[in-house]
Amino acid sequence: ILIDPIFNSTKTDMGKIKKIPAKKQMFKDVSLILLTNEMKEHFDKEAVESIVEKTNASVVAHDFLLTDLNIPRSLKAPIGQGSEIFLKGFKISAKTAHCPQCFCPTGYLIENNGKKIYHAGVTNLLDSFSRIKPDVALLPMSNRSMDVVDVVRAAKLMKPKTLIPMQHDIFDFGKLDPKELDRRIQESVLDTKTVILAPGRKVKV
């Protein structure tokens, strides 16, 4: 599963990142592509169409995004907030996300073989997080979403086993420290492990 695949940062506002280490040719076995919003840091139309052409991956997204994609209709899987679909062995639930800059912000809860992984997309802190109980939570931490304190609050609402902060080094490099997040999580009552991923690093869940 790929979520918001993007390979050319020159088209975005990701000023710190000149080159993205991932390349399209690395992804030859893709079943699903999930899109969280239409912002250029998340929606690379050319990348999605190229991967679909090579892999026949299905694309799960809001209709607003699917309409813009030149891919076979059979590979488009529209989903709206609060709805769920079963596709290629996965249960995918679209969760509410709040991002004033986006027309169709969406988070996803992905379930397979008893594991639940939540990717929040781009969102502010929401009370509805308390209804999401994932094993792994990928939460945004940036000036466009939540700060360190808000991510800790979100973790307290969800109580995931593993917390992975994302987007913290894209727009304001050095201003939001994932190590500070890890320290706060360790000092809290949560039984949650923080995993800080660098580009190219893997984590087993």
N, C-alpha and C. Protein backbone atom coordinates (compact mmCIF):
# COMPACT_ATOMS: atom_id res chain seq x y z
N ILE A 1 0.85 -1.19 0.00
CA ILE A 1 0.00 0.00 0.00
C ILE A 1 0.88 1.24 0.00
N LEU A 2 0.60 2.16 -0.90
CA LEU A 2 1.27 3.46 -0.89
C LEU A 2 0.27 4.53 -0.47
N ILE A 3 0.71 5.45 0.36
CA ILE A 3 -0.12 6.57 0.77
C ILE A 3 0.54 7.86 0.30
N ASP A 4 -0.16 8.61 -0.52
CA ASP A 4 0.35 9.88 -1.06
C ASP A 4 1.73 9.74 -1.70
N PRO A 5 1.91 8.85 -2.65
CA PRO A 5 3.24 8.73 -3.28
C PRO A 5 3.60 9.99 -4.05
N ILE A 6 4.80 10.50 -3.80
CA ILE A 6 5.27 11.69 -4.49
C ILE A 6 6.76 11.54 -4.69
N PHE A 7 7.25 11.92 -5.86
CA PHE A 7 8.65 11.68 -6.19
C PHE A 7 9.40 12.93 -6.65
N ASN A 8 8.68 14.02 -6.86
CA ASN A 8 9.32 15.24 -7.35
C ASN A 8 8.99 16.40 -6.42
N SER A 9 9.91 16.72 -5.51
CA SER A 9 9.65 17.78 -4.54
C SER A 9 9.75 19.17 -5.14
N THR A 10 10.27 19.30 -6.35
CA THR A 10 10.42 20.63 -6.96
C THR A 10 9.06 21.26 -7.27
N LYS A 11 8.02 20.43 -7.32
CA LYS A 11 6.68 20.95 -7.61
C LYS A 11 5.95 21.35 -6.33
N THR A 12 6.60 21.21 -5.18
CA THR A 12 5.94 21.42 -3.90
C THR A 12 6.60 22.54 -3.11
N ASP A 13 6.09 22.73 -1.88
CA ASP A 13 6.67 23.71 -0.97
C ASP A 13 7.66 23.08 0.00
N MET A 14 8.10 21.87 -0.29
CA MET A 14 9.03 21.19 0.60
C MET A 14 10.44 21.72 0.37
N GLY A 15 10.68 22.93 0.82
CA GLY A 15 11.93 23.62 0.51
C GLY A 15 13.18 22.92 0.99
N LYS A 16 13.10 22.23 2.13
CA LYS A 16 14.29 21.59 2.68
C LYS A 16 14.74 20.41 1.82
N ILE A 17 13.76 19.69 1.28
CA ILE A 17 14.07 18.46 0.57
C ILE A 17 14.28 18.76 -0.91
N LYS A 18 15.50 18.56 -1.39
CA LYS A 18 15.78 18.80 -2.81
C LYS A 18 15.52 17.54 -3.62
N LYS A 19 15.83 16.39 -3.04
CA LYS A 19 15.60 15.13 -3.73
C LYS A 19 14.91 14.15 -2.79
N ILE A 20 13.91 13.50 -3.30
CA ILE A 20 13.22 12.46 -2.53
C ILE A 20 13.89 11.13 -2.85
N PRO A 21 14.33 10.38 -1.82
CA PRO A 21 15.09 9.14 -2.09
C PRO A 21 14.29 8.05 -2.79
N ALA A 22 12.97 8.05 -2.63
CA ALA A 22 12.15 7.03 -3.27
C ALA A 22 12.00 7.33 -4.77
N LYS A 23 12.03 6.28 -5.58
CA LYS A 23 11.85 6.40 -7.03
C LYS A 23 10.69 5.52 -7.47
N LYS A 24 10.02 5.94 -8.53
CA LYS A 24 8.86 5.18 -9.00
C LYS A 24 9.21 3.73 -9.34
N GLN A 25 10.40 3.52 -9.87
CA GLN A 25 10.78 2.17 -10.29
C GLN A 25 10.99 1.22 -9.12
N MET A 26 11.04 1.76 -7.89
CA MET A 26 11.19 0.91 -6.71
C MET A 26 9.89 0.18 -6.36
N PHE A 27 8.78 0.65 -6.90
CA PHE A 27 7.48 0.13 -6.50
C PHE A 27 6.85 -0.67 -7.64
N LYS A 28 7.20 -1.96 -7.68
CA LYS A 28 6.73 -2.83 -8.76
C LYS A 28 5.59 -3.74 -8.32
N ASP A 29 5.31 -3.79 -7.04
CA ASP A 29 4.28 -4.67 -6.51
C ASP A 29 3.38 -3.87 -5.58
N VAL A 30 2.50 -3.08 -6.15
CA VAL A 30 1.61 -2.21 -5.38
C VAL A 30 0.17 -2.64 -5.61
N SER A 31 -0.55 -2.86 -4.54
CA SER A 31 -1.96 -3.26 -4.64
C SER A 31 -2.91 -2.07 -4.51
N LEU A 32 -2.56 -1.16 -3.61
CA LEU A 32 -3.45 -0.04 -3.31
C LEU A 32 -2.65 1.26 -3.19
N ILE A 33 -3.27 2.35 -3.64
CA ILE A 33 -2.75 3.70 -3.42
C ILE A 33 -3.86 4.49 -2.72
N LEU A 34 -3.54 5.07 -1.57
CA LEU A 34 -4.49 5.87 -0.83
C LEU A 34 -4.06 7.34 -0.89
N LEU A 35 -5.00 8.22 -1.17
CA LEU A 35 -4.70 9.65 -1.28
C LEU A 35 -5.46 10.40 -0.18
N THR A 36 -4.73 11.26 0.56
CA THR A 36 -5.33 11.92 1.72
C THR A 36 -5.87 13.32 1.44
N ASN A 37 -5.34 14.00 0.43
CA ASN A 37 -5.85 15.33 0.08
C ASN A 37 -5.25 15.78 -1.25
N GLU A 38 -5.67 16.94 -1.70
CA GLU A 38 -5.29 17.40 -3.04
C GLU A 38 -4.07 18.33 -3.05
N MET A 39 -3.48 18.64 -1.91
CA MET A 39 -2.33 19.53 -1.90
C MET A 39 -1.15 18.91 -2.62
N LYS A 40 -0.32 19.73 -3.24
CA LYS A 40 0.74 19.23 -4.11
C LYS A 40 1.81 18.45 -3.36
N GLU A 41 1.89 18.59 -2.04
CA GLU A 41 2.83 17.78 -1.26
C GLU A 41 2.30 16.36 -1.04
N HIS A 42 1.03 16.11 -1.44
CA HIS A 42 0.40 14.82 -1.19
C HIS A 42 -0.16 14.17 -2.46
N PHE A 43 -0.49 14.98 -3.44
CA PHE A 43 -1.12 14.45 -4.65
C PHE A 43 -0.23 14.72 -5.86
N ASP A 44 0.49 13.70 -6.27
CA ASP A 44 1.34 13.75 -7.46
C ASP A 44 0.62 12.95 -8.54
N LYS A 45 -0.17 13.63 -9.35
CA LYS A 45 -1.00 12.99 -10.37
C LYS A 45 -0.19 12.09 -11.29
N GLU A 46 0.93 12.59 -11.78
CA GLU A 46 1.75 11.82 -12.71
C GLU A 46 2.31 10.56 -12.06
N ALA A 47 2.71 10.68 -10.80
CA ALA A 47 3.27 9.52 -10.10
C ALA A 47 2.20 8.44 -9.91
N VAL A 48 1.02 8.85 -9.49
CA VAL A 48 -0.07 7.89 -9.28
C VAL A 48 -0.42 7.19 -10.59
N GLU A 49 -0.58 7.95 -11.65
CA GLU A 49 -0.96 7.36 -12.94
C GLU A 49 0.13 6.40 -13.44
N SER A 50 1.38 6.75 -13.24
CA SER A 50 2.48 5.90 -13.68
C SER A 50 2.50 4.58 -12.92
N ILE A 51 2.32 4.63 -11.61
CA ILE A 51 2.33 3.41 -10.80
C ILE A 51 1.14 2.52 -11.15
N VAL A 52 -0.03 3.13 -11.33
CA VAL A 52 -1.22 2.36 -11.69
C VAL A 52 -1.02 1.67 -13.04
N GLU A 53 -0.43 2.36 -13.99
CA GLU A 53 -0.20 1.78 -15.32
C GLU A 53 0.69 0.54 -15.24
N LYS A 54 1.66 0.55 -14.34
CA LYS A 54 2.61 -0.56 -14.23
C LYS A 54 2.12 -1.68 -13.33
N THR A 55 1.27 -1.36 -12.35
CA THR A 55 0.91 -2.36 -11.33
C THR A 55 -0.57 -2.72 -11.26
N ASN A 56 -1.43 -1.95 -11.94
CA ASN A 56 -2.87 -2.12 -11.83
C ASN A 56 -3.36 -1.94 -10.40
N ALA A 57 -2.69 -1.09 -9.65
CA ALA A 57 -3.11 -0.80 -8.28
C ALA A 57 -4.44 -0.05 -8.29
N SER A 58 -5.28 -0.32 -7.31
CA SER A 58 -6.51 0.44 -7.13
C SER A 58 -6.20 1.70 -6.34
N VAL A 59 -6.89 2.79 -6.66
CA VAL A 59 -6.67 4.06 -5.98
C VAL A 59 -7.90 4.40 -5.14
N VAL A 60 -7.67 4.55 -3.85
CA VAL A 60 -8.73 4.89 -2.90
C VAL A 60 -8.62 6.38 -2.57
N ALA A 61 -9.70 7.13 -2.81
CA ALA A 61 -9.64 8.57 -2.57
C ALA A 61 -11.03 9.17 -2.68
N HIS A 62 -11.13 10.43 -2.30
CA HIS A 62 -12.34 11.20 -2.49
C HIS A 62 -12.59 11.35 -4.00
N ASP A 63 -13.85 11.40 -4.39
CA ASP A 63 -14.21 11.55 -5.81
C ASP A 63 -13.53 12.75 -6.46
N PHE A 64 -13.33 13.81 -5.69
CA PHE A 64 -12.70 15.02 -6.21
C PHE A 64 -11.32 14.74 -6.79
N LEU A 65 -10.58 13.82 -6.15
CA LEU A 65 -9.25 13.46 -6.63
C LEU A 65 -9.33 12.43 -7.74
N LEU A 66 -10.21 11.46 -7.60
CA LEU A 66 -10.31 10.40 -8.60
C LEU A 66 -10.71 10.95 -9.97
N THR A 67 -11.54 11.98 -9.98
CA THR A 67 -11.98 12.58 -11.24
C THR A 67 -10.80 13.14 -12.02
N ASP A 68 -9.76 13.55 -11.32
CA ASP A 68 -8.60 14.18 -11.96
C ASP A 68 -7.59 13.16 -12.48
N LEU A 69 -7.81 11.89 -12.17
CA LEU A 69 -6.84 10.86 -12.56
C LEU A 69 -7.25 10.18 -13.86
N ASN A 70 -6.29 10.05 -14.77
CA ASN A 70 -6.52 9.37 -16.03
C ASN A 70 -6.11 7.90 -15.87
N ILE A 71 -6.96 7.14 -15.18
CA ILE A 71 -6.75 5.71 -14.96
C ILE A 71 -8.07 5.00 -15.22
N PRO A 72 -8.04 3.68 -15.45
CA PRO A 72 -9.29 2.95 -15.70
C PRO A 72 -10.29 3.14 -14.56
N ARG A 73 -11.56 3.28 -14.93
CA ARG A 73 -12.62 3.46 -13.94
C ARG A 73 -12.66 2.30 -12.94
N SER A 74 -12.33 1.10 -13.43
CA SER A 74 -12.39 -0.10 -12.57
C SER A 74 -11.36 -0.04 -11.44
N LEU A 75 -10.35 0.82 -11.58
CA LEU A 75 -9.30 0.92 -10.56
C LEU A 75 -9.51 2.11 -9.63
N LYS A 76 -10.63 2.81 -9.81
CA LYS A 76 -10.97 3.92 -8.93
C LYS A 76 -11.91 3.44 -7.83
N ALA A 77 -11.53 3.71 -6.58
CA ALA A 77 -12.34 3.27 -5.43
C ALA A 77 -12.71 4.51 -4.61
N PRO A 78 -13.84 5.13 -4.91
CA PRO A 78 -14.22 6.35 -4.18
C PRO A 78 -14.61 6.04 -2.74
N ILE A 79 -14.25 6.96 -1.85
CA ILE A 79 -14.58 6.79 -0.43
C ILE A 79 -14.80 8.17 0.18
N GLY A 80 -15.74 8.25 1.09
CA GLY A 80 -16.03 9.50 1.78
C GLY A 80 -15.79 9.34 3.27
N GLN A 81 -15.60 10.44 3.96
CA GLN A 81 -15.36 10.38 5.39
C GLN A 81 -16.50 9.66 6.10
N GLY A 82 -16.13 8.73 6.97
CA GLY A 82 -17.12 7.97 7.71
C GLY A 82 -17.55 6.68 7.04
N SER A 83 -17.06 6.44 5.83
CA SER A 83 -17.41 5.21 5.12
C SER A 83 -16.24 4.25 5.10
N GLU A 84 -16.50 3.02 4.68
CA GLU A 84 -15.44 2.01 4.63
C GLU A 84 -15.64 1.10 3.43
N ILE A 85 -14.54 0.52 2.96
CA ILE A 85 -14.59 -0.42 1.86
C ILE A 85 -13.68 -1.60 2.17
N PHE A 86 -13.97 -2.72 1.55
CA PHE A 86 -13.11 -3.90 1.64
C PHE A 86 -12.51 -4.11 0.26
N LEU A 87 -11.20 -4.09 0.18
CA LEU A 87 -10.53 -4.13 -1.11
C LEU A 87 -9.21 -4.86 -1.00
N LYS A 88 -9.05 -5.90 -1.81
CA LYS A 88 -7.80 -6.64 -1.90
C LYS A 88 -7.30 -7.14 -0.54
N GLY A 89 -8.22 -7.62 0.26
CA GLY A 89 -7.86 -8.20 1.55
C GLY A 89 -7.76 -7.21 2.69
N PHE A 90 -8.02 -5.93 2.43
CA PHE A 90 -7.91 -4.90 3.45
C PHE A 90 -9.26 -4.24 3.70
N LYS A 91 -9.50 -3.92 4.97
CA LYS A 91 -10.63 -3.06 5.31
C LYS A 91 -10.09 -1.65 5.47
N ILE A 92 -10.63 -0.72 4.70
CA ILE A 92 -10.15 0.65 4.70
C ILE A 92 -11.29 1.57 5.13
N SER A 93 -11.08 2.28 6.23
CA SER A 93 -12.09 3.20 6.74
C SER A 93 -11.59 4.63 6.59
N ALA A 94 -12.40 5.49 6.01
CA ALA A 94 -12.04 6.89 5.85
C ALA A 94 -12.44 7.65 7.11
N LYS A 95 -11.47 8.33 7.72
CA LYS A 95 -11.70 9.04 8.97
C LYS A 95 -11.65 10.55 8.76
N THR A 96 -12.37 11.24 9.62
CA THR A 96 -12.43 12.69 9.54
C THR A 96 -11.05 13.32 9.75
N ALA A 97 -10.72 14.27 8.91
CA ALA A 97 -9.51 15.07 9.08
C ALA A 97 -9.91 16.53 8.90
N HIS A 98 -9.24 17.42 9.62
CA HIS A 98 -9.56 18.84 9.52
C HIS A 98 -8.31 19.61 9.08
N CYS A 99 -8.37 20.14 7.88
CA CYS A 99 -7.26 20.92 7.33
C CYS A 99 -7.86 22.07 6.52
N PRO A 100 -7.83 23.29 7.04
CA PRO A 100 -8.47 24.42 6.36
C PRO A 100 -7.97 24.65 4.94
N GLN A 101 -6.73 24.23 4.65
CA GLN A 101 -6.18 24.45 3.31
C GLN A 101 -6.66 23.43 2.29
N CYS A 102 -7.32 22.36 2.76
CA CYS A 102 -7.72 21.26 1.88
C CYS A 102 -9.21 21.25 1.61
N PHE A 103 -9.57 20.80 0.42
CA PHE A 103 -10.99 20.60 0.09
C PHE A 103 -11.49 19.25 0.58
N CYS A 104 -10.63 18.22 0.51
CA CYS A 104 -11.08 16.87 0.87
C CYS A 104 -10.05 16.15 1.74
N PRO A 105 -9.73 16.70 2.93
CA PRO A 105 -8.78 16.01 3.81
C PRO A 105 -9.36 14.71 4.34
N THR A 106 -8.55 13.66 4.34
CA THR A 106 -9.03 12.35 4.75
C THR A 106 -7.93 11.60 5.50
N GLY A 107 -8.31 10.92 6.57
CA GLY A 107 -7.41 9.99 7.24
C GLY A 107 -7.90 8.58 6.97
N TYR A 108 -7.03 7.59 7.15
CA TYR A 108 -7.39 6.21 6.85
C TYR A 108 -7.02 5.28 7.99
N LEU A 109 -7.95 4.41 8.35
CA LEU A 109 -7.67 3.30 9.24
C LEU A 109 -7.64 2.04 8.38
N ILE A 110 -6.49 1.39 8.34
CA ILE A 110 -6.27 0.23 7.48
C ILE A 110 -6.18 -1.01 8.36
N GLU A 111 -7.01 -2.02 8.07
CA GLU A 111 -7.04 -3.22 8.89
C GLU A 111 -6.75 -4.46 8.05
N ASN A 112 -5.87 -5.32 8.59
CA ASN A 112 -5.53 -6.57 7.91
C ASN A 112 -4.89 -7.51 8.91
N ASN A 113 -5.35 -8.76 8.93
CA ASN A 113 -4.78 -9.79 9.81
C ASN A 113 -4.71 -9.35 11.27
N GLY A 114 -5.76 -8.68 11.72
CA GLY A 114 -5.83 -8.29 13.12
C GLY A 114 -5.05 -7.04 13.48
N LYS A 115 -4.35 -6.42 12.52
CA LYS A 115 -3.58 -5.22 12.77
C LYS A 115 -4.34 -4.00 12.24
N LYS A 116 -4.24 -2.90 13.00
CA LYS A 116 -4.88 -1.66 12.60
C LYS A 116 -3.83 -0.55 12.51
N ILE A 117 -3.71 0.06 11.34
CA ILE A 117 -2.77 1.14 11.12
C ILE A 117 -3.55 2.39 10.71
N TYR A 118 -3.32 3.47 11.44
CA TYR A 118 -4.02 4.72 11.17
C TYR A 118 -3.05 5.75 10.60
N HIS A 119 -3.36 6.26 9.43
CA HIS A 119 -2.61 7.34 8.80
C HIS A 119 -3.53 8.55 8.79
N ALA A 120 -3.15 9.59 9.53
CA ALA A 120 -4.05 10.73 9.74
C ALA A 120 -4.09 11.71 8.59
N GLY A 121 -3.18 11.58 7.62
CA GLY A 121 -3.12 12.57 6.56
C GLY A 121 -2.64 13.90 7.12
N VAL A 122 -3.30 14.98 6.74
CA VAL A 122 -3.02 16.29 7.32
C VAL A 122 -4.25 16.72 8.11
N THR A 123 -4.07 16.93 9.40
CA THR A 123 -5.23 17.27 10.23
C THR A 123 -4.81 17.98 11.49
N ASN A 124 -5.74 18.76 12.03
CA ASN A 124 -5.58 19.32 13.36
C ASN A 124 -6.06 18.30 14.39
N LEU A 125 -5.87 18.61 15.67
CA LEU A 125 -6.33 17.75 16.75
C LEU A 125 -7.85 17.69 16.74
N LEU A 126 -8.40 16.47 16.85
CA LEU A 126 -9.84 16.27 16.81
C LEU A 126 -10.31 15.42 17.99
N ASP A 127 -11.48 15.74 18.53
CA ASP A 127 -12.06 14.91 19.60
C ASP A 127 -12.37 13.50 19.10
N SER A 128 -12.65 13.38 17.80
CA SER A 128 -13.01 12.08 17.23
C SER A 128 -11.87 11.09 17.25
N PHE A 129 -10.64 11.55 17.54
CA PHE A 129 -9.51 10.62 17.67
C PHE A 129 -9.77 9.57 18.75
N SER A 130 -10.60 9.91 19.73
CA SER A 130 -10.86 8.97 20.82
C SER A 130 -11.60 7.73 20.35
N ARG A 131 -12.20 7.80 19.16
CA ARG A 131 -12.93 6.64 18.62
C ARG A 131 -12.04 5.78 17.71
N ILE A 132 -10.79 6.17 17.56
CA ILE A 132 -9.85 5.42 16.73
C ILE A 132 -8.85 4.73 17.64
N LYS A 133 -8.77 3.42 17.57
CA LYS A 133 -7.89 2.65 18.46
C LYS A 133 -6.94 1.79 17.63
N PRO A 134 -5.91 2.39 17.06
CA PRO A 134 -5.01 1.66 16.17
C PRO A 134 -3.84 1.02 16.93
N ASP A 135 -3.23 0.03 16.29
CA ASP A 135 -1.96 -0.50 16.80
C ASP A 135 -0.84 0.47 16.49
N VAL A 136 -0.90 1.06 15.30
CA VAL A 136 0.11 2.01 14.85
C VAL A 136 -0.59 3.29 14.40
N ALA A 137 -0.11 4.44 14.88
CA ALA A 137 -0.67 5.72 14.47
C ALA A 137 0.41 6.58 13.83
N LEU A 138 0.19 6.99 12.59
CA LEU A 138 1.08 7.93 11.91
C LEU A 138 0.40 9.30 11.97
N LEU A 139 1.00 10.23 12.72
CA LEU A 139 0.37 11.52 12.97
C LEU A 139 1.23 12.66 12.45
N PRO A 140 0.60 13.65 11.80
CA PRO A 140 1.36 14.78 11.26
C PRO A 140 1.78 15.74 12.37
N MET A 141 2.96 16.31 12.22
CA MET A 141 3.47 17.26 13.20
C MET A 141 4.15 18.38 12.42
N SER A 142 3.43 19.46 12.17
CA SER A 142 3.98 20.56 11.37
C SER A 142 3.18 21.82 11.62
N ASN A 143 3.60 22.91 11.00
CA ASN A 143 2.86 24.16 11.17
C ASN A 143 1.54 24.15 10.41
N ARG A 144 1.27 23.07 9.68
CA ARG A 144 0.01 22.96 8.96
C ARG A 144 -0.95 21.98 9.65
N SER A 145 -0.50 21.44 10.78
CA SER A 145 -1.35 20.43 11.43
C SER A 145 -1.24 20.56 12.95
N MET A 146 -0.56 19.61 13.59
CA MET A 146 -0.45 19.61 15.04
C MET A 146 0.98 19.90 15.48
N ASP A 147 1.12 20.56 16.63
CA ASP A 147 2.45 20.72 17.20
C ASP A 147 2.73 19.53 18.12
N VAL A 148 3.86 19.56 18.82
CA VAL A 148 4.25 18.43 19.66
C VAL A 148 3.20 18.15 20.72
N VAL A 149 2.70 19.19 21.37
CA VAL A 149 1.71 19.01 22.44
C VAL A 149 0.43 18.39 21.89
N ASP A 150 0.00 18.83 20.73
CA ASP A 150 -1.22 18.28 20.14
C ASP A 150 -1.05 16.81 19.76
N VAL A 151 0.12 16.44 19.26
CA VAL A 151 0.36 15.03 18.92
C VAL A 151 0.32 14.16 20.17
N VAL A 152 0.86 14.67 21.27
CA VAL A 152 0.78 13.93 22.54
C VAL A 152 -0.68 13.78 22.96
N ARG A 153 -1.44 14.84 22.83
CA ARG A 153 -2.87 14.77 23.17
C ARG A 153 -3.59 13.77 22.29
N ALA A 154 -3.26 13.76 21.01
CA ALA A 154 -3.88 12.80 20.09
C ALA A 154 -3.53 11.37 20.49
N ALA A 155 -2.28 11.15 20.87
CA ALA A 155 -1.85 9.82 21.30
C ALA A 155 -2.59 9.39 22.56
N LYS A 156 -2.84 10.32 23.45
CA LYS A 156 -3.58 9.99 24.68
C LYS A 156 -5.02 9.61 24.37
N LEU A 157 -5.58 10.20 23.33
CA LEU A 157 -6.95 9.85 22.93
C LEU A 157 -7.00 8.48 22.26
N MET A 158 -5.99 8.16 21.45
CA MET A 158 -5.99 6.91 20.67
C MET A 158 -5.33 5.74 21.38
N LYS A 159 -4.29 6.05 22.17
CA LYS A 159 -3.52 5.02 22.88
C LYS A 159 -2.95 3.95 21.94
N PRO A 160 -2.23 4.34 20.91
CA PRO A 160 -1.64 3.34 20.00
C PRO A 160 -0.46 2.63 20.65
N LYS A 161 -0.15 1.44 20.16
CA LYS A 161 1.05 0.76 20.64
C LYS A 161 2.30 1.44 20.10
N THR A 162 2.21 1.90 18.86
CA THR A 162 3.34 2.56 18.21
C THR A 162 2.89 3.89 17.62
N LEU A 163 3.68 4.94 17.86
CA LEU A 163 3.40 6.26 17.33
C LEU A 163 4.54 6.68 16.39
N ILE A 164 4.18 7.05 15.17
CA ILE A 164 5.17 7.49 14.19
C ILE A 164 4.83 8.92 13.77
N PRO A 165 5.64 9.91 14.20
CA PRO A 165 5.38 11.28 13.73
C PRO A 165 5.82 11.44 12.28
N MET A 166 5.11 12.26 11.53
CA MET A 166 5.46 12.47 10.13
C MET A 166 5.32 13.94 9.77
N GLN A 167 6.00 14.34 8.72
CA GLN A 167 5.95 15.69 8.14
C GLN A 167 6.68 16.74 8.98
N HIS A 168 7.35 16.31 10.06
CA HIS A 168 7.96 17.27 10.98
C HIS A 168 9.21 17.95 10.41
N ASP A 169 9.79 17.42 9.36
CA ASP A 169 11.01 18.02 8.81
C ASP A 169 10.82 18.57 7.40
N ILE A 170 9.57 18.86 7.05
CA ILE A 170 9.30 19.28 5.67
C ILE A 170 9.28 20.80 5.51
N PHE A 171 8.50 21.49 6.33
CA PHE A 171 8.30 22.92 6.11
C PHE A 171 9.15 23.80 7.04
N ASP A 172 9.26 23.42 8.29
CA ASP A 172 10.02 24.20 9.26
C ASP A 172 11.07 23.31 9.91
N PHE A 173 12.11 23.03 9.18
CA PHE A 173 13.13 22.09 9.65
C PHE A 173 13.73 22.56 10.98
N GLY A 174 13.70 21.66 11.95
CA GLY A 174 14.30 21.94 13.25
C GLY A 174 13.38 22.61 14.25
N LYS A 175 12.22 23.10 13.82
CA LYS A 175 11.32 23.79 14.74
C LYS A 175 10.47 22.82 15.56
N LEU A 176 10.14 21.67 14.99
CA LEU A 176 9.37 20.66 15.71
C LEU A 176 10.24 19.41 15.83
N ASP A 177 10.64 19.11 17.05
CA ASP A 177 11.62 18.06 17.29
C ASP A 177 10.94 16.75 17.67
N PRO A 178 11.05 15.71 16.85
CA PRO A 178 10.44 14.43 17.19
C PRO A 178 11.03 13.82 18.46
N LYS A 179 12.26 14.18 18.80
CA LYS A 179 12.85 13.68 20.04
C LYS A 179 12.15 14.27 21.26
N GLU A 180 11.68 15.51 21.12
CA GLU A 180 10.89 16.13 22.19
C GLU A 180 9.56 15.39 22.34
N LEU A 181 8.98 15.01 21.22
CA LEU A 181 7.75 14.21 21.26
C LEU A 181 8.00 12.88 21.97
N ASP A 182 9.08 12.22 21.62
CA ASP A 182 9.42 10.94 22.24
C ASP A 182 9.59 11.11 23.75
N ARG A 183 10.26 12.19 24.17
CA ARG A 183 10.47 12.42 25.61
C ARG A 183 9.13 12.60 26.32
N ARG A 184 8.25 13.37 25.73
CA ARG A 184 6.95 13.62 26.36
C ARG A 184 6.11 12.34 26.44
N ILE A 185 6.19 11.52 25.40
CA ILE A 185 5.45 10.26 25.41
C ILE A 185 6.00 9.34 26.51
N GLN A 186 7.32 9.27 26.63
CA GLN A 186 7.93 8.43 27.65
C GLN A 186 7.57 8.89 29.06
N GLU A 187 7.41 10.19 29.24
CA GLU A 187 7.09 10.74 30.56
C GLU A 187 5.60 10.69 30.87
N SER A 188 4.80 10.33 29.89
CA SER A 188 3.35 10.24 30.10
C SER A 188 2.98 8.87 30.66
N VAL A 189 1.69 8.67 30.87
CA VAL A 189 1.20 7.39 31.38
C VAL A 189 0.95 6.40 30.24
N LEU A 190 1.23 6.83 29.02
CA LEU A 190 0.95 5.98 27.87
C LEU A 190 1.93 4.81 27.76
N ASP A 191 1.42 3.68 27.35
CA ASP A 191 2.27 2.53 27.03
C ASP A 191 2.46 2.51 25.51
N THR A 192 3.05 3.59 25.02
CA THR A 192 3.22 3.80 23.58
C THR A 192 4.69 3.98 23.26
N LYS A 193 5.13 3.35 22.19
CA LYS A 193 6.51 3.48 21.73
C LYS A 193 6.55 4.45 20.55
N THR A 194 7.43 5.44 20.62
CA THR A 194 7.61 6.38 19.52
C THR A 194 8.70 5.88 18.59
N VAL A 195 8.39 5.82 17.30
CA VAL A 195 9.38 5.42 16.29
C VAL A 195 9.59 6.60 15.36
N ILE A 196 10.83 7.07 15.30
CA ILE A 196 11.17 8.20 14.43
C ILE A 196 11.83 7.65 13.17
N LEU A 197 11.14 7.78 12.05
CA LEU A 197 11.62 7.20 10.80
C LEU A 197 12.36 8.24 9.96
N ALA A 198 13.53 7.89 9.52
CA ALA A 198 14.26 8.68 8.53
C ALA A 198 13.91 8.11 7.14
N PRO A 199 14.09 8.90 6.08
CA PRO A 199 13.81 8.41 4.73
C PRO A 199 14.52 7.09 4.45
N GLY A 200 13.77 6.11 3.98
CA GLY A 200 14.35 4.82 3.65
C GLY A 200 14.34 3.83 4.78
N ARG A 201 14.06 4.27 6.01
CA ARG A 201 14.06 3.35 7.13
C ARG A 201 12.76 2.57 7.18
N LYS A 202 12.82 1.36 7.71
CA LYS A 202 11.65 0.50 7.81
C LYS A 202 11.34 0.18 9.26
N VAL A 203 10.08 -0.12 9.52
CA VAL A 203 9.69 -0.59 10.86
C VAL A 203 8.69 -1.74 10.66
N LYS A 204 8.85 -2.80 11.44
CA LYS A 204 7.97 -3.95 11.37
C LYS A 204 6.84 -3.79 12.37
N VAL A 205 5.63 -4.01 11.95
CA VAL A 205 4.49 -3.86 12.86
C VAL A 205 3.72 -5.17 12.96
